[in-house]
Amino acid sequence: MANSVKIALLTLAFGGAIAVCQPAAADSVTVSTTTNGVAFGYSDGYWDRAHTWHVWRDANESNAWRAANHDHYYEWKHDRDADQGWHEDHWWDRH
């Protein structure tokens, strides 16, 4: 009897660990890139507001930010321009 209880508890614990490890399904995508926020987005990544370059984590992150901030997203690689895609227009200070 004691072994049956132990086996049942181990089975529940193992099943719970598997459930915790499963990725959560989301109905909407929220971009949470850095505490500094995204300044300018490009097809290959983004500048944060502290002027640090980052690569998008995945296409969903890039697409979600582009959809919400289309005025500050550029559909080309950041190094195309002489300024590497960093602009002195700090649009986020005006909002």
Protein backbone atom coordinates (compact mmCIF):
# COMPACT_ATOMS: atom_id res chain seq x y z
CA MET A 1 0.00 0.00 0.00
CA ALA A 2 2.76 2.44 0.93
CA ASN A 3 4.52 1.71 -2.38
CA SER A 4 1.30 2.41 -4.28
CA VAL A 5 1.00 5.81 -2.62
CA LYS A 6 4.65 6.62 -3.36
CA ILE A 7 4.22 5.62 -7.00
CA ALA A 8 1.05 7.70 -7.29
CA LEU A 9 2.74 10.74 -5.75
CA LEU A 10 5.80 10.38 -8.00
CA THR A 11 3.55 10.06 -11.02
CA LEU A 12 1.67 13.22 -10.08
CA ALA A 13 4.90 15.10 -9.38
CA PHE A 14 6.41 14.03 -12.69
CA GLY A 15 3.25 14.94 -14.59
CA GLY A 16 3.15 18.34 -12.88
CA ALA A 17 6.78 18.99 -13.83
CA ILE A 18 5.99 18.24 -17.46
CA ALA A 19 2.97 20.56 -17.38
CA VAL A 20 5.08 23.39 -15.93
CA CYS A 21 7.66 22.96 -18.69
CA GLN A 22 5.11 23.29 -21.48
CA PRO A 23 5.08 26.66 -23.26
CA ALA A 24 2.00 28.76 -22.65
CA ALA A 25 -0.28 29.50 -25.57
CA ALA A 26 -0.96 33.18 -26.11
CA ASP A 27 -3.81 34.82 -27.95
CA SER A 28 -1.90 38.04 -28.45
CA VAL A 29 1.78 38.82 -28.84
CA THR A 30 3.41 41.32 -26.52
CA VAL A 31 6.86 42.60 -27.35
CA SER A 32 8.91 42.95 -24.22
CA THR A 33 12.38 43.52 -25.56
CA THR A 34 14.36 45.56 -23.08
CA THR A 35 13.69 47.94 -20.25
CA ASN A 36 14.96 50.73 -22.53
CA GLY A 37 12.40 49.95 -25.22
CA VAL A 38 12.86 49.81 -28.95
CA ALA A 39 13.96 53.01 -30.65
CA PHE A 40 14.21 51.94 -34.29
CA GLY A 41 13.34 48.57 -35.80
CA TYR A 42 14.89 46.96 -38.89
CA SER A 43 14.49 43.66 -40.64
CA ASP A 44 17.63 42.32 -38.92
CA GLY A 45 17.08 43.71 -35.40
CA TYR A 46 16.57 46.92 -33.47
CA TRP A 47 18.27 49.72 -31.60
CA ASP A 48 17.06 50.20 -28.06
CA ARG A 49 16.68 53.69 -26.63
CA ALA A 50 20.08 53.45 -24.92
CA HIS A 51 21.67 52.98 -28.39
CA THR A 52 22.40 49.25 -28.01
CA TRP A 53 21.87 46.90 -30.97
CA HIS A 54 19.77 43.73 -30.58
CA VAL A 55 18.72 40.94 -32.93
CA TRP A 56 15.00 40.11 -32.92
CA ARG A 57 14.30 36.94 -30.92
CA ASP A 58 12.06 35.65 -33.69
CA ALA A 59 9.79 36.72 -36.53
CA ASN A 60 6.81 37.11 -34.17
CA GLU A 61 8.65 39.72 -32.12
CA SER A 62 9.70 41.63 -35.24
CA ASN A 63 6.23 41.46 -36.81
CA ALA A 64 4.45 42.56 -33.64
CA TRP A 65 6.71 45.57 -33.13
CA ARG A 66 6.49 46.53 -36.80
CA ALA A 67 2.69 46.40 -36.73
CA ALA A 68 2.49 48.58 -33.62
CA ASN A 69 5.28 51.01 -34.62
CA HIS A 70 5.25 51.13 -38.40
CA ASP A 71 6.54 54.73 -38.43
CA HIS A 72 9.79 53.61 -36.82
CA TYR A 73 10.32 50.27 -38.58
CA TYR A 74 12.44 50.03 -41.71
CA GLU A 75 12.20 47.02 -44.01
CA TRP A 76 15.95 46.75 -44.65
CA LYS A 77 19.06 45.83 -42.70
CA HIS A 78 20.28 48.48 -40.30
CA ASP A 79 23.80 48.65 -41.76
CA ARG A 80 22.52 49.88 -45.13
CA ASP A 81 22.75 53.47 -43.93
CA ALA A 82 25.90 55.39 -42.97
CA ASP A 83 24.54 55.92 -39.44
CA GLN A 84 23.94 52.15 -39.04
CA GLY A 85 20.24 52.90 -38.62
CA TRP A 86 20.55 55.03 -35.49
CA HIS A 87 18.68 58.32 -35.81
CA GLU A 88 18.92 61.34 -33.56
CA ASP A 89 15.13 61.74 -33.71
CA HIS A 90 14.10 60.55 -30.23
CA TRP A 91 10.43 60.17 -31.06
CA TRP A 92 9.67 58.38 -27.78
CA ASP A 93 10.43 61.59 -25.83
CA ARG A 94 7.52 63.31 -27.60
CA HIS A 95 4.88 60.73 -26.65
